[in-house]
C-alpha cells in the first residue's frame, strides 16, 4: 500500500511557475511508475506527465502535448518524492492536480490512462490568473 500526498499548488499569474511535490509513503517507492494528472471543473481527469520506475534507468518520461516544453517531471527516490515543475503557466492549466502511482510494468500509452494507476493522492489546486 502506498499513500500519496501532493503539495505546492496555489495561485499564480500567467507566465509564472510552480513546483508540485508528491510525497509517497512506503519503502518501495523506487519500484513505482509515477504520473501527474489534472482535472478542471466540468472536465474529465487528463494525463499531464509520467516517469518510469527505477528499474528502467535511465528513466522514461512522458508528457501531454499541451505541457511539453513547459512542464518537467522528476523523482528523488531517496526522498520518496516525485515533482512536477511547471513553467510558463497558462490560465488553461488551472485544475486540481493529482499524483498517481503504479507498481509493476507499464507499457507505452498505458502511462496516459487513469485506469492504469492503482494509487492516487487527494489533489492540489493550481489556479493561473490571466
Foldseek 3Di string as FASTA:
>chain_A
DKAKAKDWADEEAAQAKIKMKIAIDDLCLLQKKKFKWWDDPPGDIWGAKIWHHNVPPVIDMDGDPVQPPFWDWDDDSVRRMIMIIGGRDDQVVWTWMKMFIAGDDDDDPLNTDPVRTDYIYPTDTHGYHD
